[in-house]
């Protein structure tokens, strides 16, 4: 976690933001470390949720500015494959944003939701709900011990 836990809530914000982008590390481990160190359930919930949510919004935006031509050219993905993926995204729509909290998979979902241009307002709201729920569960588990 690169010493972020030592920075308390500031480190939690930075770490949860970065973990919601394409950087491969666990915001859950950082969240638990800061929560255990501070005991500040409300602060950790607010800061962790905000940082992780804004990171996902950033990742969504990266997907939004992407172009089909780039994916086809740089990643050698066929237009038919992109169309099949778009049909899956269209089927579940903005509701997929609730899964953006899932480690690794969530980052891919956020990029895909942006790339396939789901409705921004509801996508971002549902990302927030998912992120909040994830850290609320950690708070509840922490409260049990």
N, C-alpha and C. Protein backbone atom coordinates (compact mmCIF):
# COMPACT_ATOMS: atom_id res chain seq x y z
N UNK A 1 0.83 -1.20 0.00
CA UNK A 1 0.00 0.00 0.00
C UNK A 1 0.87 1.25 0.00
N UNK A 2 2.17 1.03 -0.12
CA UNK A 2 3.10 2.12 -0.34
C UNK A 2 3.11 3.16 0.79
N UNK A 3 2.78 2.77 2.02
CA UNK A 3 2.79 3.69 3.14
C UNK A 3 1.59 4.62 3.22
N UNK A 4 0.61 4.41 2.38
CA UNK A 4 -0.57 5.29 2.38
C UNK A 4 -1.35 5.20 3.69
N UNK A 5 -1.34 4.02 4.31
CA UNK A 5 -2.08 3.86 5.56
C UNK A 5 -1.53 4.77 6.66
N UNK A 6 -0.24 5.11 6.57
CA UNK A 6 0.38 5.99 7.55
C UNK A 6 -0.11 7.44 7.44
N UNK A 7 -0.70 7.78 6.31
CA UNK A 7 -1.22 9.14 6.10
C UNK A 7 -2.65 9.31 6.59
N UNK A 8 -3.22 8.25 7.17
CA UNK A 8 -4.57 8.34 7.70
C UNK A 8 -5.61 8.54 6.62
N UNK A 9 -6.53 9.46 6.87
CA UNK A 9 -7.64 9.67 5.94
C UNK A 9 -7.18 10.24 4.59
N UNK A 10 -6.12 11.03 4.60
CA UNK A 10 -5.58 11.55 3.33
C UNK A 10 -5.04 10.39 2.50
N UNK A 11 -4.30 9.52 3.14
CA UNK A 11 -3.79 8.33 2.45
C UNK A 11 -4.90 7.43 1.97
N UNK A 12 -5.95 7.34 2.79
CA UNK A 12 -7.12 6.53 2.40
C UNK A 12 -7.76 7.10 1.15
N UNK A 13 -7.92 8.41 1.10
CA UNK A 13 -8.51 9.04 -0.09
C UNK A 13 -7.65 8.77 -1.32
N UNK A 14 -6.36 9.04 -1.20
CA UNK A 14 -5.47 8.85 -2.35
C UNK A 14 -5.45 7.38 -2.80
N UNK A 15 -5.33 6.50 -1.84
CA UNK A 15 -5.26 5.07 -2.17
C UNK A 15 -6.54 4.53 -2.77
N UNK A 16 -7.67 4.90 -2.20
CA UNK A 16 -8.93 4.38 -2.75
C UNK A 16 -9.21 4.98 -4.13
N UNK A 17 -8.79 6.22 -4.34
CA UNK A 17 -8.93 6.82 -5.68
C UNK A 17 -8.09 6.04 -6.68
N UNK A 18 -6.81 5.86 -6.37
CA UNK A 18 -5.90 5.18 -7.30
C UNK A 18 -6.30 3.72 -7.53
N UNK A 19 -6.77 3.05 -6.49
CA UNK A 19 -7.18 1.65 -6.63
C UNK A 19 -8.39 1.50 -7.55
N UNK A 20 -9.19 2.55 -7.70
CA UNK A 20 -10.36 2.48 -8.58
C UNK A 20 -10.00 2.80 -10.02
N UNK A 21 -8.74 3.13 -10.26
CA UNK A 21 -8.28 3.30 -11.63
C UNK A 21 -7.64 1.98 -12.04
N UNK A 22 -6.72 2.02 -12.95
CA UNK A 22 -6.13 0.77 -13.43
C UNK A 22 -4.93 0.31 -12.61
N UNK A 23 -4.62 0.98 -11.50
CA UNK A 23 -3.51 0.56 -10.65
C UNK A 23 -3.92 -0.68 -9.85
N UNK A 24 -3.08 -1.69 -9.88
CA UNK A 24 -3.46 -2.96 -9.26
C UNK A 24 -3.10 -3.06 -7.77
N UNK A 25 -3.94 -2.52 -6.90
CA UNK A 25 -3.79 -2.82 -5.48
C UNK A 25 -5.14 -2.72 -4.80
N UNK A 26 -5.19 -3.22 -3.59
CA UNK A 26 -6.47 -3.40 -2.91
C UNK A 26 -6.85 -2.20 -2.06
N UNK A 27 -7.95 -1.58 -2.41
CA UNK A 27 -8.47 -0.51 -1.56
C UNK A 27 -9.06 -1.10 -0.29
N UNK A 28 -9.48 -2.36 -0.34
CA UNK A 28 -10.04 -3.00 0.85
C UNK A 28 -8.98 -3.14 1.94
N UNK A 29 -7.79 -3.61 1.58
CA UNK A 29 -6.72 -3.76 2.56
C UNK A 29 -6.34 -2.41 3.16
N UNK A 30 -6.26 -1.40 2.32
CA UNK A 30 -5.94 -0.05 2.80
C UNK A 30 -7.04 0.46 3.72
N UNK A 31 -8.28 0.25 3.32
CA UNK A 31 -9.42 0.70 4.12
C UNK A 31 -9.39 0.06 5.51
N UNK A 32 -9.18 -1.23 5.55
CA UNK A 32 -9.15 -1.95 6.83
C UNK A 32 -7.99 -1.45 7.70
N UNK A 33 -6.83 -1.21 7.07
CA UNK A 33 -5.66 -0.75 7.82
C UNK A 33 -5.93 0.63 8.44
N UNK A 34 -6.51 1.54 7.65
CA UNK A 34 -6.77 2.88 8.17
C UNK A 34 -7.90 2.84 9.19
N UNK A 35 -8.90 2.04 8.95
CA UNK A 35 -10.00 1.89 9.90
C UNK A 35 -9.49 1.35 11.23
N UNK A 36 -8.64 0.35 11.18
CA UNK A 36 -8.09 -0.23 12.41
C UNK A 36 -7.19 0.77 13.14
N UNK A 37 -6.44 1.56 12.37
CA UNK A 37 -5.52 2.51 12.99
C UNK A 37 -6.24 3.70 13.61
N UNK A 38 -7.31 4.15 12.96
CA UNK A 38 -8.00 5.36 13.43
C UNK A 38 -9.24 5.05 14.25
N UNK A 39 -9.92 3.96 13.94
CA UNK A 39 -11.20 3.66 14.60
C UNK A 39 -12.31 4.62 14.18
N UNK A 40 -12.04 5.43 13.18
CA UNK A 40 -12.98 6.45 12.71
C UNK A 40 -13.88 5.87 11.63
N UNK A 41 -14.95 5.20 12.04
CA UNK A 41 -15.82 4.52 11.07
C UNK A 41 -16.51 5.51 10.13
N UNK A 42 -17.00 6.61 10.65
CA UNK A 42 -17.70 7.59 9.81
C UNK A 42 -16.74 8.27 8.84
N UNK A 43 -15.57 8.67 9.35
CA UNK A 43 -14.58 9.33 8.50
C UNK A 43 -14.07 8.40 7.41
N UNK A 44 -13.76 7.17 7.80
CA UNK A 44 -13.28 6.21 6.81
C UNK A 44 -14.36 5.90 5.77
N UNK A 45 -15.59 5.77 6.21
CA UNK A 45 -16.69 5.49 5.27
C UNK A 45 -16.84 6.63 4.27
N UNK A 46 -16.83 7.86 4.76
CA UNK A 46 -17.00 9.03 3.88
C UNK A 46 -15.81 9.18 2.94
N UNK A 47 -14.61 9.15 3.47
CA UNK A 47 -13.40 9.38 2.67
C UNK A 47 -13.13 8.22 1.72
N UNK A 48 -13.26 6.99 2.23
CA UNK A 48 -13.04 5.83 1.38
C UNK A 48 -14.02 5.77 0.22
N UNK A 49 -15.28 6.03 0.54
CA UNK A 49 -16.31 6.03 -0.51
C UNK A 49 -16.03 7.12 -1.53
N UNK A 50 -15.75 8.32 -1.05
CA UNK A 50 -15.51 9.45 -1.97
C UNK A 50 -14.32 9.18 -2.87
N UNK A 51 -13.20 8.75 -2.29
CA UNK A 51 -12.02 8.49 -3.09
C UNK A 51 -12.23 7.39 -4.12
N UNK A 52 -12.82 6.28 -3.69
CA UNK A 52 -13.04 5.16 -4.59
C UNK A 52 -14.05 5.49 -5.68
N UNK A 53 -15.08 6.24 -5.29
CA UNK A 53 -16.10 6.65 -6.26
C UNK A 53 -15.51 7.59 -7.30
N UNK A 54 -14.76 8.59 -6.86
CA UNK A 54 -14.16 9.53 -7.81
C UNK A 54 -13.16 8.82 -8.73
N UNK A 55 -12.46 7.83 -8.21
CA UNK A 55 -11.57 7.04 -9.05
C UNK A 55 -12.33 6.29 -10.13
N UNK A 56 -13.49 5.75 -9.78
CA UNK A 56 -14.32 5.06 -10.77
C UNK A 56 -14.92 6.03 -11.79
N UNK A 57 -15.29 7.21 -11.33
CA UNK A 57 -15.80 8.23 -12.25
C UNK A 57 -14.71 8.62 -13.25
N UNK A 58 -13.48 8.76 -12.76
CA UNK A 58 -12.34 9.05 -13.63
C UNK A 58 -12.14 7.93 -14.65
N UNK A 59 -12.21 6.69 -14.19
CA UNK A 59 -12.05 5.53 -15.07
C UNK A 59 -13.17 5.49 -16.11
N UNK A 60 -14.40 5.79 -15.67
CA UNK A 60 -15.55 5.87 -16.58
C UNK A 60 -15.28 6.92 -17.66
N UNK A 61 -14.77 8.06 -17.24
CA UNK A 61 -14.47 9.14 -18.19
C UNK A 61 -13.40 8.71 -19.20
N UNK A 62 -12.38 7.98 -18.74
CA UNK A 62 -11.35 7.47 -19.65
C UNK A 62 -12.02 6.60 -20.72
N UNK A 63 -12.93 5.73 -20.29
CA UNK A 63 -13.66 4.90 -21.25
C UNK A 63 -14.49 5.75 -22.20
N UNK A 64 -15.11 6.81 -21.67
CA UNK A 64 -15.98 7.67 -22.47
C UNK A 64 -15.23 8.32 -23.63
N UNK A 65 -13.97 8.72 -23.39
CA UNK A 65 -13.22 9.40 -24.46
C UNK A 65 -12.60 8.42 -25.45
N UNK A 66 -12.67 7.12 -25.13
CA UNK A 66 -12.13 6.10 -26.04
C UNK A 66 -12.91 6.02 -27.34
N UNK A 67 -12.26 5.56 -28.35
CA UNK A 67 -12.89 5.43 -29.67
C UNK A 67 -12.77 3.98 -30.15
N UNK A 68 -13.80 3.53 -30.84
CA UNK A 68 -13.82 2.16 -31.37
C UNK A 68 -12.60 1.92 -32.26
N UNK A 69 -12.27 2.91 -33.06
CA UNK A 69 -11.15 2.76 -34.00
C UNK A 69 -9.84 2.47 -33.24
N UNK A 70 -9.66 3.11 -32.09
CA UNK A 70 -8.45 2.89 -31.29
C UNK A 70 -8.39 1.44 -30.80
N UNK A 71 -9.52 0.95 -30.31
CA UNK A 71 -9.56 -0.41 -29.77
C UNK A 71 -9.28 -1.42 -30.88
N UNK A 72 -9.89 -1.17 -32.04
CA UNK A 72 -9.68 -2.06 -33.18
C UNK A 72 -8.21 -2.05 -33.61
N UNK A 73 -7.62 -0.87 -33.69
CA UNK A 73 -6.26 -0.73 -34.20
C UNK A 73 -5.22 -1.20 -33.17
N UNK A 74 -5.27 -0.70 -31.96
CA UNK A 74 -4.22 -0.95 -30.98
C UNK A 74 -4.35 -2.31 -30.29
N UNK A 75 -5.58 -2.76 -30.08
CA UNK A 75 -5.77 -4.02 -29.37
C UNK A 75 -6.22 -5.15 -30.29
N UNK A 76 -6.35 -4.85 -31.56
CA UNK A 76 -6.73 -5.85 -32.57
C UNK A 76 -8.05 -6.55 -32.24
N UNK A 77 -9.00 -5.77 -31.76
CA UNK A 77 -10.33 -6.31 -31.45
C UNK A 77 -11.21 -6.07 -32.67
N UNK A 78 -11.90 -7.10 -33.09
CA UNK A 78 -12.75 -7.01 -34.26
C UNK A 78 -14.01 -6.20 -33.95
N UNK A 79 -14.54 -5.47 -34.93
CA UNK A 79 -15.78 -4.71 -34.71
C UNK A 79 -16.93 -5.59 -34.23
N UNK A 80 -16.98 -6.85 -34.69
CA UNK A 80 -18.05 -7.75 -34.27
C UNK A 80 -17.97 -8.03 -32.76
N UNK A 81 -16.75 -8.15 -32.26
CA UNK A 81 -16.56 -8.40 -30.82
C UNK A 81 -17.03 -7.20 -30.02
N UNK A 82 -16.66 -6.01 -30.48
CA UNK A 82 -17.10 -4.79 -29.80
C UNK A 82 -18.62 -4.68 -29.80
N UNK A 83 -19.23 -5.04 -30.92
CA UNK A 83 -20.69 -4.97 -31.01
C UNK A 83 -21.36 -5.96 -30.05
N UNK A 84 -20.79 -7.17 -29.93
CA UNK A 84 -21.33 -8.16 -29.00
C UNK A 84 -21.24 -7.65 -27.56
N UNK A 85 -20.09 -7.06 -27.23
CA UNK A 85 -19.93 -6.52 -25.89
C UNK A 85 -20.91 -5.38 -25.63
N UNK A 86 -21.12 -4.55 -26.64
CA UNK A 86 -22.07 -3.44 -26.50
C UNK A 86 -23.47 -3.96 -26.24
N UNK A 87 -23.85 -5.05 -26.88
CA UNK A 87 -25.17 -5.62 -26.65
C UNK A 87 -25.32 -6.08 -25.20
N UNK A 88 -24.26 -6.64 -24.63
CA UNK A 88 -24.30 -7.06 -23.22
C UNK A 88 -24.42 -5.85 -22.30
N UNK A 89 -23.65 -4.82 -22.60
CA UNK A 89 -23.72 -3.59 -21.79
C UNK A 89 -25.12 -2.99 -21.92
N UNK A 90 -25.65 -2.96 -23.13
CA UNK A 90 -26.99 -2.40 -23.34
C UNK A 90 -28.06 -3.21 -22.60
N UNK A 91 -27.84 -4.51 -22.49
CA UNK A 91 -28.83 -5.37 -21.83
C UNK A 91 -28.97 -5.03 -20.35
N UNK A 92 -27.84 -4.83 -19.68
CA UNK A 92 -27.87 -4.56 -18.24
C UNK A 92 -27.75 -3.07 -17.93
N UNK A 93 -27.24 -2.31 -18.88
CA UNK A 93 -27.17 -0.87 -18.76
C UNK A 93 -26.47 -0.36 -17.52
N UNK A 94 -27.01 0.73 -17.00
CA UNK A 94 -26.39 1.41 -15.88
C UNK A 94 -26.32 0.54 -14.62
N UNK A 95 -27.14 -0.50 -14.54
CA UNK A 95 -27.14 -1.36 -13.35
C UNK A 95 -25.79 -2.04 -13.14
N UNK A 96 -25.03 -2.19 -14.21
CA UNK A 96 -23.69 -2.77 -14.07
C UNK A 96 -22.79 -1.89 -13.19
N UNK A 97 -23.12 -0.62 -13.08
CA UNK A 97 -22.32 0.29 -12.27
C UNK A 97 -22.29 -0.14 -10.80
N UNK A 98 -23.30 -0.86 -10.36
CA UNK A 98 -23.31 -1.36 -8.99
C UNK A 98 -22.17 -2.34 -8.74
N UNK A 99 -21.60 -2.92 -9.79
CA UNK A 99 -20.53 -3.90 -9.63
C UNK A 99 -19.14 -3.28 -9.73
N UNK A 100 -19.06 -1.98 -9.86
CA UNK A 100 -17.75 -1.34 -10.00
C UNK A 100 -16.90 -1.43 -8.74
N UNK A 101 -17.47 -1.86 -7.65
CA UNK A 101 -16.70 -2.02 -6.41
C UNK A 101 -15.88 -3.31 -6.39
N UNK A 102 -16.20 -4.24 -7.26
CA UNK A 102 -15.52 -5.54 -7.27
C UNK A 102 -14.07 -5.35 -7.73
N UNK A 103 -13.12 -5.83 -6.93
CA UNK A 103 -11.72 -5.67 -7.31
C UNK A 103 -11.43 -6.20 -8.72
N UNK A 104 -10.61 -5.50 -9.45
CA UNK A 104 -10.15 -5.79 -10.81
C UNK A 104 -11.29 -5.72 -11.82
N UNK A 105 -12.31 -6.52 -11.64
CA UNK A 105 -13.44 -6.55 -12.57
C UNK A 105 -14.14 -5.19 -12.61
N UNK A 106 -14.25 -4.54 -11.47
CA UNK A 106 -14.95 -3.26 -11.39
C UNK A 106 -14.32 -2.18 -12.25
N UNK A 107 -13.00 -2.18 -12.33
CA UNK A 107 -12.30 -1.20 -13.16
C UNK A 107 -12.63 -1.41 -14.64
N UNK A 108 -12.68 -2.66 -15.03
CA UNK A 108 -13.02 -3.00 -16.42
C UNK A 108 -14.46 -2.61 -16.72
N UNK A 109 -15.35 -2.86 -15.78
CA UNK A 109 -16.76 -2.48 -15.94
C UNK A 109 -16.88 -0.97 -16.09
N UNK A 110 -16.17 -0.22 -15.25
CA UNK A 110 -16.25 1.25 -15.31
C UNK A 110 -15.77 1.77 -16.67
N UNK A 111 -14.67 1.22 -17.17
CA UNK A 111 -14.18 1.64 -18.49
C UNK A 111 -15.20 1.28 -19.57
N UNK A 112 -15.74 0.07 -19.49
CA UNK A 112 -16.72 -0.38 -20.50
C UNK A 112 -17.97 0.48 -20.47
N UNK A 113 -18.45 0.83 -19.28
CA UNK A 113 -19.65 1.66 -19.19
C UNK A 113 -19.40 3.02 -19.84
N UNK A 114 -18.21 3.56 -19.65
CA UNK A 114 -17.87 4.82 -20.30
C UNK A 114 -17.71 4.65 -21.80
N UNK A 115 -17.00 3.60 -22.19
CA UNK A 115 -16.73 3.36 -23.61
C UNK A 115 -18.03 3.18 -24.40
N UNK A 116 -18.98 2.47 -23.80
CA UNK A 116 -20.24 2.21 -24.49
C UNK A 116 -21.31 3.26 -24.17
N UNK A 117 -20.89 4.34 -23.51
CA UNK A 117 -21.71 5.54 -23.32
C UNK A 117 -23.05 5.28 -22.61
N UNK A 118 -22.97 4.60 -21.46
CA UNK A 118 -24.19 4.47 -20.66
C UNK A 118 -24.57 5.85 -20.13
N UNK A 119 -25.79 5.98 -19.65
CA UNK A 119 -26.27 7.28 -19.15
C UNK A 119 -25.41 7.74 -17.98
N UNK A 120 -24.69 8.84 -18.15
CA UNK A 120 -23.72 9.26 -17.14
C UNK A 120 -24.30 9.48 -15.75
N UNK A 121 -25.40 10.18 -15.62
CA UNK A 121 -25.92 10.51 -14.30
C UNK A 121 -26.20 9.25 -13.49
N UNK A 122 -26.99 8.33 -14.06
CA UNK A 122 -27.37 7.13 -13.32
C UNK A 122 -26.19 6.18 -13.13
N UNK A 123 -25.30 6.13 -14.09
CA UNK A 123 -24.11 5.30 -13.95
C UNK A 123 -23.30 5.77 -12.75
N UNK A 124 -23.08 7.07 -12.66
CA UNK A 124 -22.27 7.63 -11.58
C UNK A 124 -22.97 7.48 -10.23
N UNK A 125 -24.27 7.67 -10.20
CA UNK A 125 -25.02 7.50 -8.95
C UNK A 125 -24.94 6.06 -8.47
N UNK A 126 -25.12 5.11 -9.37
CA UNK A 126 -25.07 3.70 -8.98
C UNK A 126 -23.66 3.25 -8.60
N UNK A 127 -22.65 3.87 -9.21
CA UNK A 127 -21.27 3.61 -8.76
C UNK A 127 -21.12 4.02 -7.30
N UNK A 128 -21.67 5.18 -6.97
CA UNK A 128 -21.59 5.68 -5.60
C UNK A 128 -22.29 4.74 -4.62
N UNK A 129 -23.45 4.25 -5.00
CA UNK A 129 -24.19 3.32 -4.14
C UNK A 129 -23.37 2.06 -3.89
N UNK A 130 -22.78 1.50 -4.94
CA UNK A 130 -21.97 0.29 -4.81
C UNK A 130 -20.75 0.51 -3.93
N UNK A 131 -20.06 1.62 -4.14
CA UNK A 131 -18.86 1.92 -3.35
C UNK A 131 -19.22 2.11 -1.88
N UNK A 132 -20.29 2.85 -1.62
CA UNK A 132 -20.72 3.09 -0.25
C UNK A 132 -21.07 1.77 0.43
N UNK A 133 -21.80 0.92 -0.27
CA UNK A 133 -22.19 -0.38 0.28
C UNK A 133 -21.00 -1.24 0.63
N UNK A 134 -20.01 -1.22 -0.22
CA UNK A 134 -18.80 -2.02 0.03
C UNK A 134 -18.13 -1.61 1.33
N UNK A 135 -17.92 -0.31 1.52
CA UNK A 135 -17.21 0.15 2.72
C UNK A 135 -18.10 0.11 3.95
N UNK A 136 -19.39 0.21 3.77
CA UNK A 136 -20.31 0.05 4.89
C UNK A 136 -20.22 -1.37 5.44
N UNK A 137 -20.12 -2.34 4.56
CA UNK A 137 -19.96 -3.74 4.99
C UNK A 137 -18.68 -3.89 5.81
N UNK A 138 -17.58 -3.28 5.37
CA UNK A 138 -16.33 -3.36 6.14
C UNK A 138 -16.51 -2.72 7.51
N UNK A 139 -17.25 -1.61 7.58
CA UNK A 139 -17.50 -0.98 8.88
C UNK A 139 -18.31 -1.91 9.79
N UNK A 140 -19.29 -2.57 9.21
CA UNK A 140 -20.11 -3.48 10.02
C UNK A 140 -19.28 -4.66 10.52
N UNK A 141 -18.42 -5.18 9.68
CA UNK A 141 -17.54 -6.28 10.10
C UNK A 141 -16.58 -5.77 11.19
N UNK A 142 -16.04 -4.60 11.00
CA UNK A 142 -15.13 -4.01 12.00
C UNK A 142 -15.85 -3.84 13.34
N UNK A 143 -17.11 -3.44 13.30
CA UNK A 143 -17.90 -3.24 14.52
C UNK A 143 -18.16 -4.52 15.27
N UNK A 144 -18.08 -5.65 14.59
CA UNK A 144 -18.31 -6.94 15.25
C UNK A 144 -17.13 -7.36 16.12
N UNK A 145 -15.98 -6.78 15.87
CA UNK A 145 -14.77 -7.20 16.59
C UNK A 145 -14.36 -6.10 17.48
